[in-house]
Amino acid sequence: MGIRFVLFVNKQGQTRLAQYYEHLSIDERRALEGEIVRKCLARTDQQCSFVEHRNYKVVYRRYASLFFLVGVDNDECELDIMFHLEKVHFMLEEMVMNGCIVETSKQNILAPIQLMEKSS
């Protein structure tokens, strides 16, 4: 569950950064990147920024000449965020303060939320 890969790709489809959080062979990575990049670059600005591909949901956004693509599990849903918005805000406040990242430990970020859930 969670993020499986992050890609930064230019308008020509060249990968500028690739980070994977699950094991894929080099050939599997090349094939996956090629398929996803072609799919995302072919979409218009009027289409949504979510694409389903294989067992991933790809969320992408274009900034200037770069596309930022994040592959998550297909069972992840943006509605989860909407239904738990208070927790999302709380987690974000635990991670970022005054525009700076202050905490990256999942355990430390979730500890106050777990305490809050126990008390309710």
PDB file of N, CA and C in Angstrom:
ATOM      1  N   MET A   1       0.834  -1.171   0.000  1.00  0.00           N
ATOM      2  CA  MET A   1       0.000   0.000   0.000  1.00  0.00           C
ATOM      3  C   MET A   1       0.886   1.245   0.000  1.00  0.00           C
ATOM      4  N   GLY A   2       0.623   2.175  -0.894  1.00  0.00           N
ATOM      5  CA  GLY A   2       1.369   3.418  -0.905  1.00  0.00           C
ATOM      6  C   GLY A   2       2.008   3.717  -2.237  1.00  0.00           C
ATOM      7  N   ILE A   3       3.037   4.540  -2.198  1.00  0.00           N
ATOM      8  CA  ILE A   3       3.740   4.972  -3.406  1.00  0.00           C
ATOM      9  C   ILE A   3       4.680   3.866  -3.871  1.00  0.00           C
ATOM     10  N   ARG A   4       4.622   3.554  -5.156  1.00  0.00           N
ATOM     11  CA  ARG A   4       5.467   2.508  -5.738  1.00  0.00           C
ATOM     12  C   ARG A   4       6.611   3.071  -6.566  1.00  0.00           C
ATOM     13  N   PHE A   5       6.412   4.247  -7.178  1.00  0.00           N
ATOM     14  CA  PHE A   5       7.493   4.879  -7.930  1.00  0.00           C
ATOM     15  C   PHE A   5       7.205   6.357  -8.130  1.00  0.00           C
ATOM     16  N   VAL A   6       8.280   7.111  -8.382  1.00  0.00           N
ATOM     17  CA  VAL A   6       8.199   8.533  -8.703  1.00  0.00           C
ATOM     18  C   VAL A   6       9.056   8.754  -9.937  1.00  0.00           C
ATOM     19  N   LEU A   7       8.504   9.437 -10.938  1.00  0.00           N
ATOM     20  CA  LEU A   7       9.230   9.722 -12.177  1.00  0.00           C
ATOM     21  C   LEU A   7       9.156  11.207 -12.488  1.00  0.00           C
ATOM     22  N   PHE A   8      10.258  11.768 -12.952  1.00  0.00           N
ATOM     23  CA  PHE A   8      10.286  13.112 -13.534  1.00  0.00           C
ATOM     24  C   PHE A   8      10.655  12.912 -14.986  1.00  0.00           C
ATOM     25  N   VAL A   9       9.828  13.422 -15.889  1.00  0.00           N
ATOM     26  CA  VAL A   9      10.004  13.189 -17.322  1.00  0.00           C
ATOM     27  C   VAL A   9       9.857  14.511 -18.057  1.00  0.00           C
ATOM     28  N   ASN A  10      10.691  14.732 -19.086  1.00  0.00           N
ATOM     29  CA  ASN A  10      10.547  15.967 -19.863  1.00  0.00           C
ATOM     30  C   ASN A  10       9.497  15.786 -20.954  1.00  0.00           C
ATOM     31  N   LYS A  11       9.209  16.859 -21.692  1.00  0.00           N
ATOM     32  CA  LYS A  11       8.158  16.820 -22.722  1.00  0.00           C
ATOM     33  C   LYS A  11       8.484  15.865 -23.861  1.00  0.00           C
ATOM     34  N   GLN A  12       9.755  15.531 -24.034  1.00  0.00           N
ATOM     35  CA  GLN A  12      10.154  14.595 -25.085  1.00  0.00           C
ATOM     36  C   GLN A  12      10.048  13.143 -24.618  1.00  0.00           C
ATOM     37  N   GLY A  13       9.660  12.931 -23.374  1.00  0.00           N
ATOM     38  CA  GLY A  13       9.490  11.585 -22.851  1.00  0.00           C
ATOM     39  C   GLY A  13      10.749  10.992 -22.251  1.00  0.00           C
ATOM     40  N   GLN A  14      11.773  11.800 -22.058  1.00  0.00           N
ATOM     41  CA  GLN A  14      13.020  11.313 -21.476  1.00  0.00           C
ATOM     42  C   GLN A  14      12.930  11.371 -19.953  1.00  0.00           C
ATOM     43  N   THR A  15      13.251  10.260 -19.315  1.00  0.00           N
ATOM     44  CA  THR A  15      13.219  10.201 -17.863  1.00  0.00           C
ATOM     45  C   THR A  15      14.396  10.985 -17.297  1.00  0.00           C
ATOM     46  N   ARG A  16      14.091  11.917 -16.428  1.00  0.00           N
ATOM     47  CA  ARG A  16      15.134  12.721 -15.789  1.00  0.00           C
ATOM     48  C   ARG A  16      15.430  12.237 -14.383  1.00  0.00           C
ATOM     49  N   LEU A  17      14.456  11.617 -13.737  1.00  0.00           N
ATOM     50  CA  LEU A  17      14.650  11.035 -12.420  1.00  0.00           C
ATOM     51  C   LEU A  17      13.669   9.886 -12.273  1.00  0.00           C
ATOM     52  N   ALA A  18      14.141   8.791 -11.729  1.00  0.00           N
ATOM     53  CA  ALA A  18      13.271   7.645 -11.467  1.00  0.00           C
ATOM     54  C   ALA A  18      13.638   7.058 -10.112  1.00  0.00           C
ATOM     55  N   GLN A  19      12.643   6.909  -9.259  1.00  0.00           N
ATOM     56  CA  GLN A  19      12.854   6.296  -7.952  1.00  0.00           C
ATOM     57  C   GLN A  19      11.768   5.247  -7.761  1.00  0.00           C
ATOM     58  N   TYR A  20      12.190   4.007  -7.480  1.00  0.00           N
ATOM     59  CA  TYR A  20      11.248   2.907  -7.302  1.00  0.00           C
ATOM     60  C   TYR A  20      11.277   2.439  -5.859  1.00  0.00           C
ATOM     61  N   TYR A  21      10.102   2.089  -5.343  1.00  0.00           N
ATOM     62  CA  TYR A  21       9.989   1.635  -3.969  1.00  0.00           C
ATOM     63  C   TYR A  21       9.548   0.175  -3.900  1.00  0.00           C
ATOM     64  N   GLU A  22       9.672  -0.523  -5.010  1.00  0.00           N
ATOM     65  CA  GLU A  22       9.478  -1.967  -5.079  1.00  0.00           C
ATOM     66  C   GLU A  22      10.444  -2.487  -6.132  1.00  0.00           C
ATOM     67  N   HIS A  23      10.811  -3.749  -6.040  1.00  0.00           N
ATOM     68  CA  HIS A  23      11.804  -4.284  -6.967  1.00  0.00           C
ATOM     69  C   HIS A  23      11.194  -4.531  -8.348  1.00  0.00           C
ATOM     70  N   LEU A  24      11.821  -3.943  -9.348  1.00  0.00           N
ATOM     71  CA  LEU A  24      11.517  -4.209 -10.753  1.00  0.00           C
ATOM     72  C   LEU A  24      12.855  -4.307 -11.475  1.00  0.00           C
ATOM     73  N   SER A  25      12.968  -5.248 -12.395  1.00  0.00           N
ATOM     74  CA  SER A  25      14.207  -5.360 -13.166  1.00  0.00           C
ATOM     75  C   SER A  25      14.359  -4.133 -14.064  1.00  0.00           C
ATOM     76  N   ILE A  26      15.551  -3.935 -14.588  1.00  0.00           N
ATOM     77  CA  ILE A  26      15.818  -2.796 -15.474  1.00  0.00           C
ATOM     78  C   ILE A  26      14.889  -2.835 -16.683  1.00  0.00           C
ATOM     79  N   ASP A  27      14.704  -4.028 -17.264  1.00  0.00           N
ATOM     80  CA  ASP A  27      13.818  -4.152 -18.429  1.00  0.00           C
ATOM     81  C   ASP A  27      12.371  -3.819 -18.073  1.00  0.00           C
ATOM     82  N   GLU A  28      11.923  -4.281 -16.903  1.00  0.00           N
ATOM     83  CA  GLU A  28      10.558  -3.970 -16.460  1.00  0.00           C
ATOM     84  C   GLU A  28      10.388  -2.467 -16.229  1.00  0.00           C
ATOM     85  N   ARG A  29      11.409  -1.844 -15.671  1.00  0.00           N
ATOM     86  CA  ARG A  29      11.350  -0.396 -15.431  1.00  0.00           C
ATOM     87  C   ARG A  29      11.274   0.372 -16.746  1.00  0.00           C
ATOM     88  N   ARG A  30      12.122  -0.002 -17.704  1.00  0.00           N
ATOM     89  CA  ARG A  30      12.109   0.677 -19.004  1.00  0.00           C
ATOM     90  C   ARG A  30      10.752   0.543 -19.682  1.00  0.00           C
ATOM     91  N   ALA A  31      10.214  -0.678 -19.664  1.00  0.00           N
ATOM     92  CA  ALA A  31       8.916  -0.914 -20.301  1.00  0.00           C
ATOM     93  C   ALA A  31       7.817  -0.112 -19.602  1.00  0.00           C
ATOM     94  N   LEU A  32       7.806  -0.160 -18.276  1.00  0.00           N
ATOM     95  CA  LEU A  32       6.797   0.563 -17.502  1.00  0.00           C
ATOM     96  C   LEU A  32       6.892   2.063 -17.758  1.00  0.00           C
ATOM     97  N   GLU A  33       8.099   2.605 -17.699  1.00  0.00           N
ATOM     98  CA  GLU A  33       8.287   4.040 -17.937  1.00  0.00           C
ATOM     99  C   GLU A  33       7.821   4.430 -19.333  1.00  0.00           C
ATOM    100  N   GLY A  34       8.185   3.643 -20.332  1.00  0.00           N
ATOM    101  CA  GLY A  34       7.785   3.953 -21.701  1.00  0.00           C
ATOM    102  C   GLY A  34       6.280   3.974 -21.872  1.00  0.00           C
ATOM    103  N   GLU A  35       5.607   2.962 -21.325  1.00  0.00           N
ATOM    104  CA  GLU A  35       4.151   2.870 -21.454  1.00  0.00           C
ATOM    105  C   GLU A  35       3.451   4.022 -20.730  1.00  0.00           C
ATOM    106  N   ILE A  36       3.867   4.274 -19.506  1.00  0.00           N
ATOM    107  CA  ILE A  36       3.213   5.316 -18.710  1.00  0.00           C
ATOM    108  C   ILE A  36       3.471   6.696 -19.294  1.00  0.00           C
ATOM    109  N   VAL A  37       4.710   6.948 -19.698  1.00  0.00           N
ATOM    110  CA  VAL A  37       5.053   8.264 -20.248  1.00  0.00           C
ATOM    111  C   VAL A  37       4.262   8.528 -21.521  1.00  0.00           C
ATOM    112  N   ARG A  38       4.185   7.546 -22.406  1.00  0.00           N
ATOM    113  CA  ARG A  38       3.398   7.722 -23.641  1.00  0.00           C
ATOM    114  C   ARG A  38       1.944   8.023 -23.310  1.00  0.00           C
ATOM    115  N   LYS A  39       1.410   7.309 -22.345  1.00  0.00           N
ATOM    116  CA  LYS A  39       0.011   7.490 -21.967  1.00  0.00           C
ATOM    117  C   LYS A  39      -0.233   8.890 -21.395  1.00  0.00           C
ATOM    118  N   CYS A  40       0.641   9.349 -20.519  1.00  0.00           N
ATOM    119  CA  CYS A  40       0.456  10.663 -19.880  1.00  0.00           C
ATOM    120  C   CYS A  40       0.710  11.814 -20.845  1.00  0.00           C
ATOM    121  N   LEU A  41       1.737  11.700 -21.686  1.00  0.00           N
ATOM    122  CA  LEU A  41       2.046  12.782 -22.622  1.00  0.00           C
ATOM    123  C   LEU A  41       0.964  12.948 -23.681  1.00  0.00           C
ATOM    124  N   ALA A  42       0.235  11.878 -23.968  1.00  0.00           N
ATOM    125  CA  ALA A  42      -0.804  11.933 -24.994  1.00  0.00           C
ATOM    126  C   ALA A  42      -2.091  12.586 -24.488  1.00  0.00           C
ATOM    127  N   ARG A  43      -2.201  12.786 -23.187  1.00  0.00           N
ATOM    128  CA  ARG A  43      -3.425  13.351 -22.622  1.00  0.00           C
ATOM    129  C   ARG A  43      -3.435  14.868 -22.762  1.00  0.00           C
ATOM    130  N   THR A  44      -4.638  15.422 -22.859  1.00  0.00           N
ATOM    131  CA  THR A  44      -4.784  16.875 -23.004  1.00  0.00           C
ATOM    132  C   THR A  44      -4.899  17.529 -21.627  1.00  0.00           C
ATOM    133  N   ASP A  45      -4.795  18.835 -21.603  1.00  0.00           N
ATOM    134  CA  ASP A  45      -4.919  19.583 -20.347  1.00  0.00           C
ATOM    135  C   ASP A  45      -6.325  19.494 -19.764  1.00  0.00           C
ATOM    136  N   GLN A  46      -7.316  19.195 -20.602  1.00  0.00           N
ATOM    137  CA  GLN A  46      -8.695  19.110 -20.135  1.00  0.00           C
ATOM    138  C   GLN A  46      -9.000  17.769 -19.458  1.00  0.00           C
ATOM    139  N   GLN A  47      -8.143  16.788 -19.625  1.00  0.00           N
ATOM    140  CA  GLN A  47      -8.372  15.482 -19.008  1.00  0.00           C
ATOM    141  C   GLN A  47      -7.836  15.483 -17.577  1.00  0.00           C
ATOM    142  N   CYS A  48      -8.388  14.586 -16.763  1.00  0.00           N
ATOM    143  CA  CYS A  48      -7.961  14.517 -15.366  1.00  0.00           C
ATOM    144  C   CYS A  48      -6.516  14.026 -15.269  1.00  0.00           C
ATOM    145  N   SER A  49      -5.925  14.196 -14.116  1.00  0.00           N
ATOM    146  CA  SER A  49      -4.516  13.857 -13.907  1.00  0.00           C
ATOM    147  C   SER A  49      -4.327  12.482 -13.290  1.00  0.00           C
ATOM    148  N   PHE A  50      -5.292  11.597 -13.466  1.00  0.00           N
ATOM    149  CA  PHE A  50      -5.209  10.240 -12.961  1.00  0.00           C
ATOM    150  C   PHE A  50      -5.307   9.278 -14.133  1.00  0.00           C
ATOM    151  N   VAL A  51      -4.406   8.307 -14.179  1.00  0.00           N
ATOM    152  CA  VAL A  51      -4.427   7.295 -15.230  1.00  0.00           C
ATOM    153  C   VAL A  51      -4.240   5.944 -14.559  1.00  0.00           C
ATOM    154  N   GLU A  52      -5.039   4.973 -14.936  1.00  0.00           N
ATOM    155  CA  GLU A  52      -4.830   3.621 -14.431  1.00  0.00           C
ATOM    156  C   GLU A  52      -4.013   2.856 -15.445  1.00  0.00           C
ATOM    157  N   HIS A  53      -2.984   2.181 -14.957  1.00  0.00           N
ATOM    158  CA  HIS A  53      -2.093   1.426 -15.828  1.00  0.00           C
ATOM    159  C   HIS A  53      -1.629   0.187 -15.078  1.00  0.00           C
ATOM    160  N   ARG A  54      -1.887  -0.970 -15.672  1.00  0.00           N
ATOM    161  CA  ARG A  54      -1.584  -2.252 -15.020  1.00  0.00           C
ATOM    162  C   ARG A  54      -2.215  -2.241 -13.629  1.00  0.00           C
ATOM    163  N   ASN A  55      -1.402  -2.519 -12.606  1.00  0.00           N
ATOM    164  CA  ASN A  55      -1.955  -2.527 -11.250  1.00  0.00           C
ATOM    165  C   ASN A  55      -1.610  -1.250 -10.493  1.00  0.00           C
ATOM    166  N   TYR A  56      -1.361  -0.163 -11.234  1.00  0.00           N
ATOM    167  CA  TYR A  56      -1.033   1.128 -10.631  1.00  0.00           C
ATOM    168  C   TYR A  56      -2.078   2.176 -10.989  1.00  0.00           C
ATOM    169  N   LYS A  57      -2.195   3.141 -10.120  1.00  0.00           N
ATOM    170  CA  LYS A  57      -2.885   4.377 -10.447  1.00  0.00           C
ATOM    171  C   LYS A  57      -1.773   5.415 -10.532  1.00  0.00           C
ATOM    172  N   VAL A  58      -1.674   6.110 -11.654  1.00  0.00           N
ATOM    173  CA  VAL A  58      -0.622   7.097 -11.861  1.00  0.00           C
ATOM    174  C   VAL A  58      -1.237   8.486 -11.721  1.00  0.00           C
ATOM    175  N   VAL A  59      -0.685   9.259 -10.826  1.00  0.00           N
ATOM    176  CA  VAL A  59      -1.098  10.635 -10.620  1.00  0.00           C
ATOM    177  C   VAL A  59       0.026  11.492 -11.181  1.00  0.00           C
ATOM    178  N   TYR A  60      -0.311  12.403 -12.083  1.00  0.00           N
ATOM    179  CA  TYR A  60       0.752  13.190 -12.713  1.00  0.00           C
ATOM    180  C   TYR A  60       0.372  14.657 -12.767  1.00  0.00           C
ATOM    181  N   ARG A  61       1.407  15.472 -12.932  1.00  0.00           N
ATOM    182  CA  ARG A  61       1.199  16.912 -13.038  1.00  0.00           C
ATOM    183  C   ARG A  61       2.335  17.495 -13.862  1.00  0.00           C
ATOM    184  N   ARG A  62       2.016  18.433 -14.716  1.00  0.00           N
ATOM    185  CA  ARG A  62       3.038  19.086 -15.531  1.00  0.00           C
ATOM    186  C   ARG A  62       3.377  20.442 -14.926  1.00  0.00           C
ATOM    187  N   TYR A  63       4.653  20.686 -14.747  1.00  0.00           N
ATOM    188  CA  TYR A  63       5.164  21.983 -14.317  1.00  0.00           C
ATOM    189  C   TYR A  63       6.238  22.399 -15.309  1.00  0.00           C
ATOM    190  N   ALA A  64       5.979  23.484 -16.031  1.00  0.00           N
ATOM    191  CA  ALA A  64       6.892  23.981 -17.078  1.00  0.00           C
ATOM    192  C   ALA A  64       7.129  22.861 -18.084  1.00  0.00           C
ATOM    193  N   SER A  65       8.351  22.433 -18.251  1.00  0.00           N
ATOM    194  CA  SER A  65       8.634  21.405 -19.259  1.00  0.00           C
ATOM    195  C   SER A  65       8.798  20.019 -18.646  1.00  0.00           C
ATOM    196  N   LEU A  66       8.505  19.867 -17.353  1.00  0.00           N
ATOM    197  CA  LEU A  66       8.641  18.568 -16.694  1.00  0.00           C
ATOM    198  C   LEU A  66       7.289  18.010 -16.269  1.00  0.00           C
ATOM    199  N   PHE A  67       7.171  16.698 -16.372  1.00  0.00           N
ATOM    200  CA  PHE A  67       6.019  15.976 -15.850  1.00  0.00           C
ATOM    201  C   PHE A  67       6.475  15.236 -14.597  1.00  0.00           C
ATOM    202  N   PHE A  68       5.694  15.348 -13.536  1.00  0.00           N
ATOM    203  CA  PHE A  68       5.960  14.637 -12.294  1.00  0.00           C
ATOM    204  C   PHE A  68       4.907  13.535 -12.197  1.00  0.00           C
ATOM    205  N   LEU A  69       5.358  12.289 -12.169  1.00  0.00           N
ATOM    206  CA  LEU A  69       4.443  11.155 -12.135  1.00  0.00           C
ATOM    207  C   LEU A  69       4.687  10.341 -10.870  1.00  0.00           C
ATOM    208  N   VAL A  70       3.607   9.971 -10.202  1.00  0.00           N
ATOM    209  CA  VAL A  70       3.695   9.155  -9.002  1.00  0.00           C
ATOM    210  C   VAL A  70       2.788   7.951  -9.204  1.00  0.00           C
ATOM    211  N   GLY A  71       3.353   6.771  -9.061  1.00  0.00           N
ATOM    212  CA  GLY A  71       2.582   5.539  -9.188  1.00  0.00           C
ATOM    213  C   GLY A  71       2.211   5.008  -7.822  1.00  0.00           C
ATOM    214  N   VAL A  72       0.930   4.818  -7.591  1.00  0.00           N
ATOM    215  CA  VAL A  72       0.447   4.302  -6.312  1.00  0.00           C
ATOM    216  C   VAL A  72      -0.348   3.029  -6.568  1.00  0.00           C
ATOM    217  N   ASP A  73      -0.618   2.307  -5.494  1.00  0.00           N
ATOM    218  CA  ASP A  73      -1.441   1.109  -5.619  1.00  0.00           C
ATOM    219  C   ASP A  73      -2.798   1.478  -6.184  1.00  0.00           C
ATOM    220  N   ASN A  74      -3.363   0.568  -6.937  1.00  0.00           N
ATOM    221  CA  ASN A  74      -4.653   0.820  -7.572  1.00  0.00           C
ATOM    222  C   ASN A  74      -5.773   0.968  -6.551  1.00  0.00           C
ATOM    223  N   ASP A  75      -5.575   0.425  -5.338  1.00  0.00           N
ATOM    224  CA  ASP A  75      -6.638   0.523  -4.338  1.00  0.00           C
ATOM    225  C   ASP A  75      -6.593   1.835  -3.558  1.00  0.00           C
ATOM    226  N   GLU A  76      -5.588   2.676  -3.812  1.00  0.00           N
ATOM    227  CA  GLU A  76      -5.549   3.999  -3.189  1.00  0.00           C
ATOM    228  C   GLU A  76      -6.642   4.854  -3.826  1.00  0.00           C
ATOM    229  N   CYS A  77      -7.268   5.684  -3.032  1.00  0.00           N
ATOM    230  CA  CYS A  77      -8.392   6.474  -3.535  1.00  0.00           C
ATOM    231  C   CYS A  77      -8.336   7.875  -2.946  1.00  0.00           C
ATOM    232  N   GLU A  78      -8.523   8.858  -3.813  1.00  0.00           N
ATOM    233  CA  GLU A  78      -8.511  10.236  -3.325  1.00  0.00           C
ATOM    234  C   GLU A  78      -9.668  10.509  -2.370  1.00  0.00           C
ATOM    235  N   LEU A  79     -10.709   9.670  -2.407  1.00  0.00           N
ATOM    236  CA  LEU A  79     -11.826   9.836  -1.470  1.00  0.00           C
ATOM    237  C   LEU A  79     -11.395   9.533  -0.039  1.00  0.00           C
ATOM    238  N   ASP A  80     -10.376   8.669   0.117  1.00  0.00           N
ATOM    239  CA  ASP A  80      -9.847   8.405   1.453  1.00  0.00           C
ATOM    240  C   ASP A  80      -9.369   9.696   2.099  1.00  0.00           C
ATOM    241  N   ILE A  81      -8.770  10.556   1.303  1.00  0.00           N
ATOM    242  CA  ILE A  81      -8.301  11.843   1.819  1.00  0.00           C
ATOM    243  C   ILE A  81      -9.493  12.705   2.213  1.00  0.00           C
ATOM    244  N   MET A  82     -10.503  12.745   1.367  1.00  0.00           N
ATOM    245  CA  MET A  82     -11.662  13.599   1.633  1.00  0.00           C
ATOM    246  C   MET A  82     -12.420  13.161   2.890  1.00  0.00           C
ATOM    247  N   PHE A  83     -12.521  11.851   3.112  1.00  0.00           N
ATOM    248  CA  PHE A  83     -13.264  11.358   4.270  1.00  0.00           C
ATOM    249  C   PHE A  83     -12.463  11.455   5.569  1.00  0.00           C
ATOM    250  N   HIS A  84     -11.155  11.638   5.460  1.00  0.00           N
ATOM    251  CA  HIS A  84     -10.287  11.742   6.640  1.00  0.00           C
ATOM    252  C   HIS A  84      -9.468  13.028   6.585  1.00  0.00           C
ATOM    253  N   LEU A  85     -10.093  14.092   6.160  1.00  0.00           N
ATOM    254  CA  LEU A  85      -9.394  15.357   5.933  1.00  0.00           C
ATOM    255  C   LEU A  85      -8.722  15.896   7.199  1.00  0.00           C
ATOM    256  N   GLU A  86      -9.371  15.741   8.337  1.00  0.00           N
ATOM    257  CA  GLU A  86      -8.779  16.222   9.589  1.00  0.00           C
ATOM    258  C   GLU A  86      -7.459  15.508   9.877  1.00  0.00           C
ATOM    259  N   LYS A  87      -7.426  14.201   9.667  1.00  0.00           N
ATOM    260  CA  LYS A  87      -6.193  13.436   9.883  1.00  0.00           C
ATOM    261  C   LYS A  87      -5.112  13.838   8.884  1.00  0.00           C
ATOM    262  N   VAL A  88      -5.508  14.095   7.660  1.00  0.00           N
ATOM    263  CA  VAL A  88      -4.549  14.507   6.627  1.00  0.00           C
ATOM    264  C   VAL A  88      -3.897  15.826   7.023  1.00  0.00           C
ATOM    265  N   HIS A  89      -4.702  16.783   7.462  1.00  0.00           N
ATOM    266  CA  HIS A  89      -4.157  18.071   7.909  1.00  0.00           C
ATOM    267  C   HIS A  89      -3.214  17.879   9.101  1.00  0.00           C
ATOM    268  N   PHE A  90      -3.619  17.025  10.013  1.00  0.00           N
ATOM    269  CA  PHE A  90      -2.809  16.775  11.201  1.00  0.00           C
ATOM    270  C   PHE A  90      -1.459  16.169  10.812  1.00  0.00           C
ATOM    271  N   MET A  91      -1.476  15.189   9.899  1.00  0.00           N
ATOM    272  CA  MET A  91      -0.222  14.568   9.444  1.00  0.00           C
ATOM    273  C   MET A  91       0.668  15.577   8.741  1.00  0.00           C
ATOM    274  N   LEU A  92       0.071  16.398   7.895  1.00  0.00           N
ATOM    275  CA  LEU A  92       0.840  17.404   7.169  1.00  0.00           C
ATOM    276  C   LEU A  92       1.492  18.393   8.135  1.00  0.00           C
ATOM    277  N   GLU A  93       0.751  18.779   9.176  1.00  0.00           N
ATOM    278  CA  GLU A  93       1.309  19.688  10.176  1.00  0.00           C
ATOM    279  C   GLU A  93       2.432  19.038  10.973  1.00  0.00           C
ATOM    280  N   GLU A  94       2.375  17.722  11.143  1.00  0.00           N
ATOM    281  CA  GLU A  94       3.461  17.010  11.822  1.00  0.00           C
ATOM    282  C   GLU A  94       4.714  16.947  10.950  1.00  0.00           C
ATOM    283  N   MET A  95       4.541  16.924   9.631  1.00  0.00           N
ATOM    284  CA  MET A  95       5.677  16.782   8.713  1.00  0.00           C
ATOM    285  C   MET A  95       6.305  18.108   8.316  1.00  0.00           C
ATOM    286  N   VAL A  96       5.491  19.146   8.110  1.00  0.00           N
ATOM    287  CA  VAL A  96       5.979  20.413   7.568  1.00  0.00           C
ATOM    288  C   VAL A  96       5.626  21.553   8.519  1.00  0.00           C
ATOM    289  N   MET A  97       6.625  22.382   8.809  1.00  0.00           N
ATOM    290  CA  MET A  97       6.395  23.548   9.656  1.00  0.00           C
ATOM    291  C   MET A  97       7.113  24.747   9.045  1.00  0.00           C
ATOM    292  N   ASN A  98       6.382  25.826   8.825  1.00  0.00           N
ATOM    293  CA  ASN A  98       6.947  27.039   8.217  1.00  0.00           C
ATOM    294  C   ASN A  98       7.630  26.749   6.881  1.00  0.00           C
ATOM    295  N   GLY A  99       7.081  25.819   6.126  1.00  0.00           N
ATOM    296  CA  GLY A  99       7.625  25.508   4.808  1.00  0.00           C
ATOM    297  C   GLY A  99       8.826  24.591   4.828  1.00  0.00           C
ATOM    298  N   CYS A 100       9.207  24.091   5.988  1.00  0.00           N
ATOM    299  CA  CYS A 100      10.372  23.199   6.099  1.00  0.00           C
ATOM    300  C   CYS A 100       9.921  21.825   6.582  1.00  0.00           C
ATOM    301  N   ILE A 101      10.534  20.803   6.041  1.00  0.00           N
ATOM    302  CA  ILE A 101      10.244  19.444   6.492  1.00  0.00           C
ATOM    303  C   ILE A 101      10.906  19.251   7.848  1.00  0.00           C
ATOM    304  N   VAL A 102      10.104  18.936   8.852  1.00  0.00           N
ATOM    305  CA  VAL A 102      10.633  18.774  10.204  1.00  0.00           C
ATOM    306  C   VAL A 102      10.561  17.336  10.692  1.00  0.00           C
ATOM    307  N   GLU A 103       9.789  16.501  10.032  1.00  0.00           N
ATOM    308  CA  GLU A 103       9.675  15.104  10.461  1.00  0.00           C
ATOM    309  C   GLU A 103       9.437  14.212   9.259  1.00  0.00           C
ATOM    310  N   THR A 104      10.192  13.112   9.176  1.00  0.00           N
ATOM    311  CA  THR A 104      10.013  12.162   8.078  1.00  0.00           C
ATOM    312  C   THR A 104       9.716  10.758   8.577  1.00  0.00           C
ATOM    313  N   SER A 105       9.842  10.535   9.857  1.00  0.00           N
ATOM    314  CA  SER A 105       9.597   9.211  10.420  1.00  0.00           C
ATOM    315  C   SER A 105       8.095   8.933  10.463  1.00  0.00           C
ATOM    316  N   LYS A 106       7.698   7.881   9.775  1.00  0.00           N
ATOM    317  CA  LYS A 106       6.280   7.515   9.742  1.00  0.00           C
ATOM    318  C   LYS A 106       5.764   7.258  11.156  1.00  0.00           C
ATOM    319  N   GLN A 107       6.576   6.591  11.957  1.00  0.00           N
ATOM    320  CA  GLN A 107       6.178   6.273  13.327  1.00  0.00           C
ATOM    321  C   GLN A 107       5.944   7.546  14.143  1.00  0.00           C
ATOM    322  N   ASN A 108       6.845   8.509  14.026  1.00  0.00           N
ATOM    323  CA  ASN A 108       6.702   9.765  14.773  1.00  0.00           C
ATOM    324  C   ASN A 108       5.534  10.605  14.273  1.00  0.00           C
ATOM    325  N   ILE A 109       5.253  10.538  12.994  1.00  0.00           N
ATOM    326  CA  ILE A 109       4.144  11.308  12.425  1.00  0.00           C
ATOM    327  C   ILE A 109       2.803  10.734  12.862  1.00  0.00           C
ATOM    328  N   LEU A 110       2.714   9.407  12.887  1.00  0.00           N
ATOM    329  CA  LEU A 110       1.440   8.761  13.202  1.00  0.00           C
ATOM    330  C   LEU A 110       1.160   8.650  14.699  1.00  0.00           C
ATOM    331  N   ALA A 111       2.186   8.760  15.541  1.00  0.00           N
ATOM    332  CA  ALA A 111       2.002   8.589  16.990  1.00  0.00           C
ATOM    333  C   ALA A 111       0.938   9.527  17.564  1.00  0.00           C
ATOM    334  N   PRO A 112       0.965  10.838  17.299  1.00  0.00           N
ATOM    335  CA  PRO A 112      -0.092  11.710  17.853  1.00  0.00           C
ATOM    336  C   PRO A 112      -1.486  11.372  17.326  1.00  0.00           C
ATOM    337  N   ILE A 113      -1.560  10.936  16.096  1.00  0.00           N
ATOM    338  CA  ILE A 113      -2.858  10.581  15.519  1.00  0.00           C
ATOM    339  C   ILE A 113      -3.404   9.332  16.197  1.00  0.00           C
ATOM    340  N   GLN A 114      -2.526   8.372  16.456  1.00  0.00           N
ATOM    341  CA  GLN A 114      -2.954   7.157  17.144  1.00  0.00           C
ATOM    342  C   GLN A 114      -3.414   7.463  18.569  1.00  0.00           C
ATOM    343  N   LEU A 115      -2.727   8.377  19.240  1.00  0.00           N
ATOM    344  CA  LEU A 115      -3.161   8.799  20.581  1.00  0.00           C
ATOM    345  C   LEU A 115      -4.526   9.473  20.529  1.00  0.00           C
ATOM    346  N   MET A 116      -4.721  10.300  19.520  1.00  0.00           N
ATOM    347  CA  MET A 116      -5.994  10.991  19.350  1.00  0.00           C
ATOM    348  C   MET A 116      -7.124   9.978  19.115  1.00  0.00           C
ATOM    349  N   GLU A 117      -6.848   8.941  18.311  1.00  0.00           N
ATOM    350  CA  GLU A 117      -7.867   7.923  18.034  1.00  0.00           C
ATOM    351  C   GLU A 117      -8.184   7.107  19.280  1.00  0.00           C
ATOM    352  N   LYS A 118      -7.180   6.817  20.106  1.00  0.00           N
ATOM    353  CA  LYS A 118      -7.399   6.048  21.331  1.00  0.00           C
ATOM    354  C   LYS A 118      -8.272   6.812  22.320  1.00  0.00           C
ATOM    355  N   SER A 119      -8.078   8.116  22.386  1.00  0.00           N
ATOM    356  CA  SER A 119      -8.826   8.919  23.356  1.00  0.00           C
ATOM    357  C   SER A 119     -10.265   9.184  22.930  1.00  0.00           C
ATOM    358  N   SER A 120     -10.581   8.965  21.668  1.00  0.00           N
ATOM    359  CA  SER A 120     -11.958   9.233  21.223  1.00  0.00           C
ATOM    360  C   SER A 120     -12.823   8.008  21.252  1.00  0.00           C
TER     361      SER A 120
END
